[in-house]
Amino acid sequence: QLHLTISEKNELMRSLEMIQNQLQEKESEIKREISEYKDRLLQAEKEHQDALTEANRKNEVEIEACHEKISSLEHFISSQKLEIEHLKSTKEQLNYSLKEANQALGELLKTKVR
């Protein structure tokens, strides 16, 4: 009986040792997979951050170009307004000169008719 019990105990100990080894192997495998996933996650985060940084840089360049274009257009509009004011003033002067010339012509025609 004792011999049988010792034999069973030894068999159970071998089984326990096998199970413990399997568990250690599985734990090692899981730790390795977790490490791989962490590495992949870090890489994906880095790529995402790099893409965001590049997109932000491009947006800043685009925004600066738009600001420059707006500034240029504002300057152009301002110069066009000045030109319009100048043309209005010139038109008024020409209208006044034309009116005076028509009056003078009318006077000349009157004196010529007499």
PDB file of N, CA and C in Angstrom:
ATOM      1  N   GLN A   1       0.839  -1.199   0.000  1.00  0.00           N
ATOM      2  CA  GLN A   1       0.000   0.000   0.000  1.00  0.00           C
ATOM      3  C   GLN A   1       0.880   1.256   0.000  1.00  0.00           C
ATOM      4  N   LEU A   2       1.871   1.234   0.875  1.00  0.00           N
ATOM      5  CA  LEU A   2       2.783   2.364   0.972  1.00  0.00           C
ATOM      6  C   LEU A   2       3.486   2.582  -0.362  1.00  0.00           C
ATOM      7  N   HIS A   3       3.947   1.503  -0.954  1.00  0.00           N
ATOM      8  CA  HIS A   3       4.639   1.574  -2.237  1.00  0.00           C
ATOM      9  C   HIS A   3       3.710   2.166  -3.309  1.00  0.00           C
ATOM     10  N   LEU A   4       2.470   1.748  -3.324  1.00  0.00           N
ATOM     11  CA  LEU A   4       1.481   2.247  -4.273  1.00  0.00           C
ATOM     12  C   LEU A   4       1.232   3.743  -4.057  1.00  0.00           C
ATOM     13  N   THR A   5       1.118   4.126  -2.815  1.00  0.00           N
ATOM     14  CA  THR A   5       0.880   5.537  -2.480  1.00  0.00           C
ATOM     15  C   THR A   5       2.072   6.390  -2.885  1.00  0.00           C
ATOM     16  N   ILE A   6       3.268   5.912  -2.635  1.00  0.00           N
ATOM     17  CA  ILE A   6       4.484   6.639  -3.028  1.00  0.00           C
ATOM     18  C   ILE A   6       4.542   6.742  -4.543  1.00  0.00           C
ATOM     19  N   SER A   7       4.198   5.695  -5.218  1.00  0.00           N
ATOM     20  CA  SER A   7       4.190   5.681  -6.678  1.00  0.00           C
ATOM     21  C   SER A   7       3.171   6.692  -7.214  1.00  0.00           C
ATOM     22  N   GLU A   8       1.988   6.708  -6.621  1.00  0.00           N
ATOM     23  CA  GLU A   8       0.964   7.691  -7.038  1.00  0.00           C
ATOM     24  C   GLU A   8       1.427   9.116  -6.765  1.00  0.00           C
ATOM     25  N   LYS A   9       2.071   9.269  -5.578  1.00  0.00           N
ATOM     26  CA  LYS A   9       2.587  10.598  -5.227  1.00  0.00           C
ATOM     27  C   LYS A   9       3.603  11.051  -6.253  1.00  0.00           C
ATOM     28  N   ASN A  10       4.512  10.148  -6.618  1.00  0.00           N
ATOM     29  CA  ASN A  10       5.540  10.490  -7.613  1.00  0.00           C
ATOM     30  C   ASN A  10       4.904  10.829  -8.967  1.00  0.00           C
ATOM     31  N   GLU A  11       3.900  10.073  -9.325  1.00  0.00           N
ATOM     32  CA  GLU A  11       3.200  10.336 -10.593  1.00  0.00           C
ATOM     33  C   GLU A  11       2.525  11.699 -10.548  1.00  0.00           C
ATOM     34  N   LEU A  12       1.875  11.987  -9.419  1.00  0.00           N
ATOM     35  CA  LEU A  12       1.227  13.299  -9.256  1.00  0.00           C
ATOM     36  C   LEU A  12       2.255  14.427  -9.269  1.00  0.00           C
ATOM     37  N   MET A  13       3.412  14.194  -8.671  1.00  0.00           N
ATOM     38  CA  MET A  13       4.481  15.209  -8.661  1.00  0.00           C
ATOM     39  C   MET A  13       4.981  15.470 -10.086  1.00  0.00           C
ATOM     40  N   ARG A  14       5.159  14.384 -10.864  1.00  0.00           N
ATOM     41  CA  ARG A  14       5.586  14.562 -12.262  1.00  0.00           C
ATOM     42  C   ARG A  14       4.531  15.330 -13.054  1.00  0.00           C
ATOM     43  N   SER A  15       3.261  14.971 -12.820  1.00  0.00           N
ATOM     44  CA  SER A  15       2.163  15.674 -13.494  1.00  0.00           C
ATOM     45  C   SER A  15       2.157  17.153 -13.116  1.00  0.00           C
ATOM     46  N   LEU A  16       2.302  17.398 -11.820  1.00  0.00           N
ATOM     47  CA  LEU A  16       2.329  18.776 -11.333  1.00  0.00           C
ATOM     48  C   LEU A  16       3.486  19.545 -11.957  1.00  0.00           C
ATOM     49  N   GLU A  17       4.659  18.923 -12.020  1.00  0.00           N
ATOM     50  CA  GLU A  17       5.834  19.564 -12.610  1.00  0.00           C
ATOM     51  C   GLU A  17       5.604  19.855 -14.095  1.00  0.00           C
ATOM     52  N   MET A  18       4.985  18.895 -14.808  1.00  0.00           N
ATOM     53  CA  MET A  18       4.680  19.104 -16.226  1.00  0.00           C
ATOM     54  C   MET A  18       3.719  20.279 -16.413  1.00  0.00           C
ATOM     55  N   ILE A  19       2.696  20.306 -15.573  1.00  0.00           N
ATOM     56  CA  ILE A  19       1.706  21.387 -15.659  1.00  0.00           C
ATOM     57  C   ILE A  19       2.364  22.726 -15.339  1.00  0.00           C
ATOM     58  N   GLN A  20       3.233  22.734 -14.314  1.00  0.00           N
ATOM     59  CA  GLN A  20       3.924  23.977 -13.963  1.00  0.00           C
ATOM     60  C   GLN A  20       4.817  24.434 -15.113  1.00  0.00           C
ATOM     61  N   ASN A  21       5.501  23.511 -15.751  1.00  0.00           N
ATOM     62  CA  ASN A  21       6.351  23.846 -16.908  1.00  0.00           C
ATOM     63  C   ASN A  21       5.503  24.402 -18.058  1.00  0.00           C
ATOM     64  N   GLN A  22       4.380  23.752 -18.311  1.00  0.00           N
ATOM     65  CA  GLN A  22       3.484  24.230 -19.370  1.00  0.00           C
ATOM     66  C   GLN A  22       2.979  25.642 -19.056  1.00  0.00           C
ATOM     67  N   LEU A  23       2.618  25.849 -17.780  1.00  0.00           N
ATOM     68  CA  LEU A  23       2.144  27.179 -17.376  1.00  0.00           C
ATOM     69  C   LEU A  23       3.235  28.234 -17.536  1.00  0.00           C
ATOM     70  N   GLN A  24       4.468  27.868 -17.168  1.00  0.00           N
ATOM     71  CA  GLN A  24       5.590  28.804 -17.326  1.00  0.00           C
ATOM     72  C   GLN A  24       5.826  29.111 -18.803  1.00  0.00           C
ATOM     73  N   GLU A  25       5.751  28.094 -19.649  1.00  0.00           N
ATOM     74  CA  GLU A  25       5.916  28.307 -21.088  1.00  0.00           C
ATOM     75  C   GLU A  25       4.816  29.215 -21.626  1.00  0.00           C
ATOM     76  N   LYS A  26       3.589  28.932 -21.197  1.00  0.00           N
ATOM     77  CA  LYS A  26       2.455  29.746 -21.646  1.00  0.00           C
ATOM     78  C   LYS A  26       2.615  31.188 -21.160  1.00  0.00           C
ATOM     79  N   GLU A  27       3.041  31.353 -19.901  1.00  0.00           N
ATOM     80  CA  GLU A  27       3.249  32.693 -19.347  1.00  0.00           C
ATOM     81  C   GLU A  27       4.324  33.435 -20.140  1.00  0.00           C
ATOM     82  N   SER A  28       5.414  32.742 -20.443  1.00  0.00           N
ATOM     83  CA  SER A  28       6.491  33.342 -21.239  1.00  0.00           C
ATOM     84  C   SER A  28       5.975  33.755 -22.618  1.00  0.00           C
ATOM     85  N   GLU A  29       5.186  32.886 -23.236  1.00  0.00           N
ATOM     86  CA  GLU A  29       4.618  33.178 -24.559  1.00  0.00           C
ATOM     87  C   GLU A  29       3.706  34.410 -24.495  1.00  0.00           C
ATOM     88  N   ILE A  30       2.862  34.449 -23.468  1.00  0.00           N
ATOM     89  CA  ILE A  30       1.938  35.586 -23.317  1.00  0.00           C
ATOM     90  C   ILE A  30       2.713  36.879 -23.080  1.00  0.00           C
ATOM     91  N   LYS A  31       3.769  36.803 -22.226  1.00  0.00           N
ATOM     92  CA  LYS A  31       4.593  37.995 -21.980  1.00  0.00           C
ATOM     93  C   LYS A  31       5.264  38.477 -23.264  1.00  0.00           C
ATOM     94  N   ARG A  32       5.740  37.516 -24.066  1.00  0.00           N
ATOM     95  CA  ARG A  32       6.378  37.873 -25.347  1.00  0.00           C
ATOM     96  C   ARG A  32       5.356  38.544 -26.273  1.00  0.00           C
ATOM     97  N   GLU A  33       4.154  37.982 -26.349  1.00  0.00           N
ATOM     98  CA  GLU A  33       3.107  38.572 -27.195  1.00  0.00           C
ATOM     99  C   GLU A  33       2.737  39.964 -26.712  1.00  0.00           C
ATOM    100  N   ILE A  34       2.609  40.129 -25.382  1.00  0.00           N
ATOM    101  CA  ILE A  34       2.291  41.453 -24.831  1.00  0.00           C
ATOM    102  C   ILE A  34       3.377  42.449 -25.210  1.00  0.00           C
ATOM    103  N   SER A  35       4.626  42.022 -25.100  1.00  0.00           N
ATOM    104  CA  SER A  35       5.748  42.887 -25.461  1.00  0.00           C
ATOM    105  C   SER A  35       5.684  43.277 -26.941  1.00  0.00           C
ATOM    106  N   GLU A  36       5.382  42.301 -27.800  1.00  0.00           N
ATOM    107  CA  GLU A  36       5.249  42.583 -29.237  1.00  0.00           C
ATOM    108  C   GLU A  36       4.118  43.576 -29.494  1.00  0.00           C
ATOM    109  N   TYR A  37       2.971  43.359 -28.831  1.00  0.00           N
ATOM    110  CA  TYR A  37       1.841  44.269 -29.016  1.00  0.00           C
ATOM    111  C   TYR A  37       2.168  45.681 -28.533  1.00  0.00           C
ATOM    112  N   LYS A  38       2.894  45.757 -27.411  1.00  0.00           N
ATOM    113  CA  LYS A  38       3.297  47.075 -26.900  1.00  0.00           C
ATOM    114  C   LYS A  38       4.211  47.777 -27.901  1.00  0.00           C
ATOM    115  N   ASP A  39       5.170  47.011 -28.457  1.00  0.00           N
ATOM    116  CA  ASP A  39       6.082  47.572 -29.462  1.00  0.00           C
ATOM    117  C   ASP A  39       5.311  48.066 -30.682  1.00  0.00           C
ATOM    118  N   ARG A  40       4.362  47.242 -31.137  1.00  0.00           N
ATOM    119  CA  ARG A  40       3.554  47.637 -32.307  1.00  0.00           C
ATOM    120  C   ARG A  40       2.709  48.865 -32.002  1.00  0.00           C
ATOM    121  N   LEU A  41       2.165  48.914 -30.785  1.00  0.00           N
ATOM    122  CA  LEU A  41       1.363  50.064 -30.384  1.00  0.00           C
ATOM    123  C   LEU A  41       2.213  51.333 -30.345  1.00  0.00           C
ATOM    124  N   LEU A  42       3.405  51.214 -29.753  1.00  0.00           N
ATOM    125  CA  LEU A  42       4.309  52.375 -29.708  1.00  0.00           C
ATOM    126  C   LEU A  42       4.675  52.838 -31.111  1.00  0.00           C
ATOM    127  N   GLN A  43       4.943  51.882 -32.006  1.00  0.00           N
ATOM    128  CA  GLN A  43       5.282  52.221 -33.390  1.00  0.00           C
ATOM    129  C   GLN A  43       4.107  52.917 -34.069  1.00  0.00           C
ATOM    130  N   ALA A  44       2.902  52.378 -33.861  1.00  0.00           N
ATOM    131  CA  ALA A  44       1.708  52.990 -34.472  1.00  0.00           C
ATOM    132  C   ALA A  44       1.489  54.394 -33.920  1.00  0.00           C
ATOM    133  N   GLU A  45       1.691  54.557 -32.610  1.00  0.00           N
ATOM    134  CA  GLU A  45       1.530  55.884 -32.006  1.00  0.00           C
ATOM    135  C   GLU A  45       2.553  56.861 -32.568  1.00  0.00           C
ATOM    136  N   LYS A  46       3.793  56.389 -32.746  1.00  0.00           N
ATOM    137  CA  LYS A  46       4.839  57.247 -33.305  1.00  0.00           C
ATOM    138  C   LYS A  46       4.488  57.651 -34.738  1.00  0.00           C
ATOM    139  N   GLU A  47       4.056  56.677 -35.539  1.00  0.00           N
ATOM    140  CA  GLU A  47       3.677  56.980 -36.922  1.00  0.00           C
ATOM    141  C   GLU A  47       2.512  57.963 -36.953  1.00  0.00           C
ATOM    142  N   HIS A  48       1.551  57.758 -36.064  1.00  0.00           N
ATOM    143  CA  HIS A  48       0.394  58.658 -35.987  1.00  0.00           C
ATOM    144  C   HIS A  48       0.844  60.065 -35.608  1.00  0.00           C
ATOM    145  N   GLN A  49       1.716  60.154 -34.614  1.00  0.00           N
ATOM    146  CA  GLN A  49       2.219  61.468 -34.185  1.00  0.00           C
ATOM    147  C   GLN A  49       3.014  62.136 -35.307  1.00  0.00           C
ATOM    148  N   ASP A  50       3.836  61.351 -36.004  1.00  0.00           N
ATOM    149  CA  ASP A  50       4.605  61.895 -37.134  1.00  0.00           C
ATOM    150  C   ASP A  50       3.672  62.419 -38.214  1.00  0.00           C
ATOM    151  N   ALA A  51       2.608  61.663 -38.492  1.00  0.00           N
ATOM    152  CA  ALA A  51       1.638  62.093 -39.513  1.00  0.00           C
ATOM    153  C   ALA A  51       0.935  63.375 -39.065  1.00  0.00           C
ATOM    154  N   LEU A  52       0.570  63.447 -37.794  1.00  0.00           N
ATOM    155  CA  LEU A  52      -0.070  64.665 -37.275  1.00  0.00           C
ATOM    156  C   LEU A  52       0.870  65.865 -37.371  1.00  0.00           C
ATOM    157  N   THR A  53       2.119  65.644 -36.994  1.00  0.00           N
ATOM    158  CA  THR A  53       3.111  66.723 -37.051  1.00  0.00           C
ATOM    159  C   THR A  53       3.271  67.226 -38.488  1.00  0.00           C
ATOM    160  N   GLU A  54       3.364  66.295 -39.417  1.00  0.00           N
ATOM    161  CA  GLU A  54       3.519  66.673 -40.833  1.00  0.00           C
ATOM    162  C   GLU A  54       2.278  67.404 -41.339  1.00  0.00           C
ATOM    163  N   ALA A  55       1.098  66.897 -40.965  1.00  0.00           N
ATOM    164  CA  ALA A  55      -0.147  67.562 -41.383  1.00  0.00           C
ATOM    165  C   ALA A  55      -0.219  68.969 -40.800  1.00  0.00           C
ATOM    166  N   ASN A  56       0.164  69.115 -39.541  1.00  0.00           N
ATOM    167  CA  ASN A  56       0.171  70.445 -38.912  1.00  0.00           C
ATOM    168  C   ASN A  56       1.149  71.376 -39.604  1.00  0.00           C
ATOM    169  N   ARG A  57       2.318  70.845 -39.958  1.00  0.00           N
ATOM    170  CA  ARG A  57       3.320  71.670 -40.653  1.00  0.00           C
ATOM    171  C   ARG A  57       2.773  72.146 -41.998  1.00  0.00           C
ATOM    172  N   LYS A  58       2.162  71.216 -42.742  1.00  0.00           N
ATOM    173  CA  LYS A  58       1.591  71.585 -44.039  1.00  0.00           C
ATOM    174  C   LYS A  58       0.481  72.616 -43.871  1.00  0.00           C
ATOM    175  N   ASN A  59      -0.358  72.423 -42.846  1.00  0.00           N
ATOM    176  CA  ASN A  59      -1.437  73.380 -42.593  1.00  0.00           C
ATOM    177  C   ASN A  59      -0.890  74.761 -42.256  1.00  0.00           C
ATOM    178  N   GLU A  60       0.178  74.805 -41.460  1.00  0.00           N
ATOM    179  CA  GLU A  60       0.782  76.090 -41.101  1.00  0.00           C
ATOM    180  C   GLU A  60       1.308  76.800 -42.354  1.00  0.00           C
ATOM    181  N   VAL A  61       1.957  76.021 -43.224  1.00  0.00           N
ATOM    182  CA  VAL A  61       2.480  76.602 -44.476  1.00  0.00           C
ATOM    183  C   VAL A  61       1.320  77.138 -45.317  1.00  0.00           C
ATOM    184  N   GLU A  62       0.255  76.340 -45.407  1.00  0.00           N
ATOM    185  CA  GLU A  62      -0.920  76.748 -46.186  1.00  0.00           C
ATOM    186  C   GLU A  62      -1.574  77.994 -45.590  1.00  0.00           C
ATOM    187  N   ILE A  63      -1.697  78.012 -44.270  1.00  0.00           N
ATOM    188  CA  ILE A  63      -2.293  79.172 -43.590  1.00  0.00           C
ATOM    189  C   ILE A  63      -1.454  80.414 -43.849  1.00  0.00           C
ATOM    190  N   GLU A  64      -0.132  80.273 -43.753  1.00  0.00           N
ATOM    191  CA  GLU A  64       0.753  81.418 -43.995  1.00  0.00           C
ATOM    192  C   GLU A  64       0.589  81.915 -45.434  1.00  0.00           C
ATOM    193  N   ALA A  65       0.502  80.983 -46.383  1.00  0.00           N
ATOM    194  CA  ALA A  65       0.311  81.374 -47.786  1.00  0.00           C
ATOM    195  C   ALA A  65      -1.020  82.105 -47.955  1.00  0.00           C
ATOM    196  N   CYS A  66      -2.065  81.630 -47.268  1.00  0.00           N
ATOM    197  CA  CYS A  66      -3.374  82.293 -47.339  1.00  0.00           C
ATOM    198  C   CYS A  66      -3.317  83.691 -46.736  1.00  0.00           C
ATOM    199  N   HIS A  67      -2.615  83.823 -45.602  1.00  0.00           N
ATOM    200  CA  HIS A  67      -2.466  85.153 -44.985  1.00  0.00           C
ATOM    201  C   HIS A  67      -1.759  86.113 -45.942  1.00  0.00           C
ATOM    202  N   GLU A  68      -0.716  85.610 -46.594  1.00  0.00           N
ATOM    203  CA  GLU A  68       0.017  86.449 -47.548  1.00  0.00           C
ATOM    204  C   GLU A  68      -0.887  86.847 -48.717  1.00  0.00           C
ATOM    205  N   LYS A  69      -1.674  85.890 -49.205  1.00  0.00           N
ATOM    206  CA  LYS A  69      -2.580  86.190 -50.324  1.00  0.00           C
ATOM    207  C   LYS A  69      -3.626  87.214 -49.892  1.00  0.00           C
ATOM    208  N   ILE A  70      -4.191  87.038 -48.682  1.00  0.00           N
ATOM    209  CA  ILE A  70      -5.184  87.991 -48.169  1.00  0.00           C
ATOM    210  C   ILE A  70      -4.570  89.380 -48.066  1.00  0.00           C
ATOM    211  N   SER A  71      -3.360  89.442 -47.525  1.00  0.00           N
ATOM    212  CA  SER A  71      -2.674  90.727 -47.384  1.00  0.00           C
ATOM    213  C   SER A  71      -2.458  91.374 -48.754  1.00  0.00           C
ATOM    214  N   SER A  72      -2.037  90.546 -49.707  1.00  0.00           N
ATOM    215  CA  SER A  72      -1.815  91.052 -51.064  1.00  0.00           C
ATOM    216  C   SER A  72      -3.118  91.562 -51.675  1.00  0.00           C
ATOM    217  N   LEU A  73      -4.213  90.805 -51.492  1.00  0.00           N
ATOM    218  CA  LEU A  73      -5.512  91.221 -52.034  1.00  0.00           C
ATOM    219  C   LEU A  73      -6.019  92.490 -51.347  1.00  0.00           C
ATOM    220  N   GLU A  74      -5.802  92.587 -50.033  1.00  0.00           N
ATOM    221  CA  GLU A  74      -6.215  93.799 -49.314  1.00  0.00           C
ATOM    222  C   GLU A  74      -5.462  95.011 -49.853  1.00  0.00           C
ATOM    223  N   HIS A  75      -4.166  94.826 -50.100  1.00  0.00           N
ATOM    224  CA  HIS A  75      -3.365  95.919 -50.661  1.00  0.00           C
ATOM    225  C   HIS A  75      -3.877  96.283 -52.060  1.00  0.00           C
ATOM    226  N   PHE A  76      -4.169  95.262 -52.864  1.00  0.00           N
ATOM    227  CA  PHE A  76      -4.682  95.500 -54.212  1.00  0.00           C
ATOM    228  C   PHE A  76      -6.013  96.253 -54.160  1.00  0.00           C
ATOM    229  N   ILE A  77      -6.920  95.810 -53.274  1.00  0.00           N
ATOM    230  CA  ILE A  77      -8.229  96.465 -53.130  1.00  0.00           C
ATOM    231  C   ILE A  77      -8.040  97.912 -52.708  1.00  0.00           C
ATOM    232  N   SER A  78      -7.144  98.141 -51.768  1.00  0.00           N
ATOM    233  CA  SER A  78      -6.877  99.497 -51.302  1.00  0.00           C
ATOM    234  C   SER A  78      -6.382 100.377 -52.450  1.00  0.00           C
ATOM    235  N   SER A  79      -5.460  99.835 -53.243  1.00  0.00           N
ATOM    236  CA  SER A  79      -4.942 100.628 -54.370  1.00  0.00           C
ATOM    237  C   SER A  79      -6.028 100.856 -55.416  1.00  0.00           C
ATOM    238  N   GLN A  80      -6.917  99.873 -55.604  1.00  0.00           N
ATOM    239  CA  GLN A  80      -8.018 100.037 -56.555  1.00  0.00           C
ATOM    240  C   GLN A  80      -8.994 101.114 -56.071  1.00  0.00           C
ATOM    241  N   LYS A  81      -9.250 101.141 -54.755  1.00  0.00           N
ATOM    242  CA  LYS A  81     -10.124 102.188 -54.212  1.00  0.00           C
ATOM    243  C   LYS A  81      -9.528 103.570 -54.443  1.00  0.00           C
ATOM    244  N   LEU A  82      -8.222 103.689 -54.222  1.00  0.00           N
ATOM    245  CA  LEU A  82      -7.556 104.966 -54.478  1.00  0.00           C
ATOM    246  C   LEU A  82      -7.661 105.341 -55.954  1.00  0.00           C
ATOM    247  N   GLU A  83      -7.469 104.372 -56.812  1.00  0.00           N
ATOM    248  CA  GLU A  83      -7.568 104.614 -58.259  1.00  0.00           C
ATOM    249  C   GLU A  83      -8.981 105.061 -58.634  1.00  0.00           C
ATOM    250  N   ILE A  84      -9.998 104.404 -58.034  1.00  0.00           N
ATOM    251  CA  ILE A  84     -11.394 104.784 -58.297  1.00  0.00           C
ATOM    252  C   ILE A  84     -11.646 106.224 -57.856  1.00  0.00           C
ATOM    253  N   GLU A  85     -11.155 106.568 -56.670  1.00  0.00           N
ATOM    254  CA  GLU A  85     -11.324 107.938 -56.172  1.00  0.00           C
ATOM    255  C   GLU A  85     -10.638 108.932 -57.107  1.00  0.00           C
ATOM    256  N   HIS A  86      -9.450 108.576 -57.553  1.00  0.00           N
ATOM    257  CA  HIS A  86      -8.718 109.439 -58.486  1.00  0.00           C
ATOM    258  C   HIS A  86      -9.507 109.600 -59.797  1.00  0.00           C
ATOM    259  N   LEU A  87     -10.055 108.476 -60.307  1.00  0.00           N
ATOM    260  CA  LEU A  87     -10.824 108.531 -61.557  1.00  0.00           C
ATOM    261  C   LEU A  87     -12.104 109.349 -61.384  1.00  0.00           C
ATOM    262  N   LYS A  88     -12.761 109.230 -60.216  1.00  0.00           N
ATOM    263  CA  LYS A  88     -13.957 110.031 -59.955  1.00  0.00           C
ATOM    264  C   LYS A  88     -13.621 111.513 -59.965  1.00  0.00           C
ATOM    265  N   SER A  89     -12.499 111.835 -59.317  1.00  0.00           N
ATOM    266  CA  SER A  89     -12.074 113.239 -59.264  1.00  0.00           C
ATOM    267  C   SER A  89     -11.762 113.750 -60.672  1.00  0.00           C
ATOM    268  N   THR A  90     -11.067 112.949 -61.440  1.00  0.00           N
ATOM    269  CA  THR A  90     -10.732 113.327 -62.820  1.00  0.00           C
ATOM    270  C   THR A  90     -12.005 113.488 -63.646  1.00  0.00           C
ATOM    271  N   LYS A  91     -12.961 112.592 -63.462  1.00  0.00           N
ATOM    272  CA  LYS A  91     -14.226 112.668 -64.185  1.00  0.00           C
ATOM    273  C   LYS A  91     -14.949 113.975 -63.857  1.00  0.00           C
ATOM    274  N   GLU A  92     -14.978 114.316 -62.553  1.00  0.00           N
ATOM    275  CA  GLU A  92     -15.627 115.563 -62.147  1.00  0.00           C
ATOM    276  C   GLU A  92     -14.951 116.761 -62.794  1.00  0.00           C
ATOM    277  N   GLN A  93     -13.614 116.727 -62.806  1.00  0.00           N
ATOM    278  CA  GLN A  93     -12.879 117.835 -63.438  1.00  0.00           C
ATOM    279  C   GLN A  93     -13.190 117.906 -64.929  1.00  0.00           C
ATOM    280  N   LEU A  94     -13.216 116.726 -65.586  1.00  0.00           N
ATOM    281  CA  LEU A  94     -13.512 116.697 -67.022  1.00  0.00           C
ATOM    282  C   LEU A  94     -14.946 117.167 -67.293  1.00  0.00           C
ATOM    283  N   ASN A  95     -15.897 116.736 -66.455  1.00  0.00           N
ATOM    284  CA  ASN A  95     -17.282 117.189 -66.616  1.00  0.00           C
ATOM    285  C   ASN A  95     -17.383 118.705 -66.465  1.00  0.00           C
ATOM    286  N   TYR A  96     -16.654 119.218 -65.480  1.00  0.00           N
ATOM    287  CA  TYR A  96     -16.668 120.672 -65.262  1.00  0.00           C
ATOM    288  C   TYR A  96     -16.063 121.380 -66.465  1.00  0.00           C
ATOM    289  N   SER A  97     -14.918 120.863 -66.967  1.00  0.00           N
ATOM    290  CA  SER A  97     -14.270 121.461 -68.139  1.00  0.00           C
ATOM    291  C   SER A  97     -15.174 121.369 -69.362  1.00  0.00           C
ATOM    292  N   LEU A  98     -15.861 120.219 -69.514  1.00  0.00           N
ATOM    293  CA  LEU A  98     -16.778 120.045 -70.642  1.00  0.00           C
ATOM    294  C   LEU A  98     -17.932 121.040 -70.548  1.00  0.00           C
ATOM    295  N   LYS A  99     -18.443 121.226 -69.351  1.00  0.00           N
ATOM    296  CA  LYS A  99     -19.537 122.176 -69.142  1.00  0.00           C
ATOM    297  C   LYS A  99     -19.074 123.588 -69.507  1.00  0.00           C
ATOM    298  N   GLU A 100     -17.878 123.941 -69.054  1.00  0.00           N
ATOM    299  CA  GLU A 100     -17.335 125.272 -69.380  1.00  0.00           C
ATOM    300  C   GLU A 100     -17.125 125.414 -70.889  1.00  0.00           C
ATOM    301  N   ALA A 101     -16.611 124.348 -71.518  1.00  0.00           N
ATOM    302  CA  ALA A 101     -16.364 124.394 -72.964  1.00  0.00           C
ATOM    303  C   ALA A 101     -17.684 124.521 -73.716  1.00  0.00           C
ATOM    304  N   ASN A 102     -18.716 123.803 -73.257  1.00  0.00           N
ATOM    305  CA  ASN A 102     -20.029 123.908 -73.904  1.00  0.00           C
ATOM    306  C   ASN A 102     -20.609 125.307 -73.737  1.00  0.00           C
ATOM    307  N   GLN A 103     -20.411 125.876 -72.555  1.00  0.00           N
ATOM    308  CA  GLN A 103     -20.893 127.249 -72.337  1.00  0.00           C
ATOM    309  C   GLN A 103     -20.163 128.222 -73.251  1.00  0.00           C
ATOM    310  N   ALA A 104     -18.830 128.035 -73.355  1.00  0.00           N
ATOM    311  CA  ALA A 104     -18.031 128.910 -74.221  1.00  0.00           C
ATOM    312  C   ALA A 104     -18.457 128.737 -75.669  1.00  0.00           C
ATOM    313  N   LEU A 105     -18.696 127.483 -76.052  1.00  0.00           N
ATOM    314  CA  LEU A 105     -19.135 127.208 -77.417  1.00  0.00           C
ATOM    315  C   LEU A 105     -20.493 127.861 -77.667  1.00  0.00           C
ATOM    316  N   GLY A 106     -21.365 127.741 -76.663  1.00  0.00           N
ATOM    317  CA  GLY A 106     -22.682 128.382 -76.787  1.00  0.00           C
ATOM    318  C   GLY A 106     -22.545 129.863 -76.944  1.00  0.00           C
ATOM    319  N   GLU A 107     -21.649 130.506 -76.199  1.00  0.00           N
ATOM    320  CA  GLU A 107     -21.414 131.945 -76.314  1.00  0.00           C
ATOM    321  C   GLU A 107     -20.872 132.290 -77.697  1.00  0.00           C
ATOM    322  N   LEU A 108     -19.938 131.469 -78.166  1.00  0.00           N
ATOM    323  CA  LEU A 108     -19.357 131.701 -79.492  1.00  0.00           C
ATOM    324  C   LEU A 108     -20.424 131.600 -80.594  1.00  0.00           C
ATOM    325  N   LEU A 109     -21.278 130.564 -80.446  1.00  0.00           N
ATOM    326  CA  LEU A 109     -22.327 130.375 -81.456  1.00  0.00           C
ATOM    327  C   LEU A 109     -23.292 131.567 -81.435  1.00  0.00           C
ATOM    328  N   LYS A 110     -23.591 132.075 -80.256  1.00  0.00           N
ATOM    329  CA  LYS A 110     -24.488 133.224 -80.125  1.00  0.00           C
ATOM    330  C   LYS A 110     -23.886 134.438 -80.803  1.00  0.00           C
ATOM    331  N   THR A 111     -22.597 134.646 -80.540  1.00  0.00           N
ATOM    332  CA  THR A 111     -21.953 135.835 -81.146  1.00  0.00           C
ATOM    333  C   THR A 111     -21.798 135.651 -82.643  1.00  0.00           C
ATOM    334  N   LYS A 112     -21.615 134.434 -83.086  1.00  0.00           N
ATOM    335  CA  LYS A 112     -21.473 134.174 -84.507  1.00  0.00           C
ATOM    336  C   LYS A 112     -22.803 134.382 -85.224  1.00  0.00           C
ATOM    337  N   VAL A 113     -23.893 133.995 -84.574  1.00  0.00           N
ATOM    338  CA  VAL A 113     -25.234 134.120 -85.162  1.00  0.00           C
ATOM    339  C   VAL A 113     -25.566 135.591 -85.288  1.00  0.00           C
ATOM    340  N   ARG A 114     -25.124 136.433 -84.421  1.00  0.00           N
ATOM    341  CA  ARG A 114     -25.461 137.864 -84.423  1.00  0.00           C
ATOM    342  C   ARG A 114     -24.814 138.562 -85.515  1.00  0.00           C
TER     343      ARG A 114
END
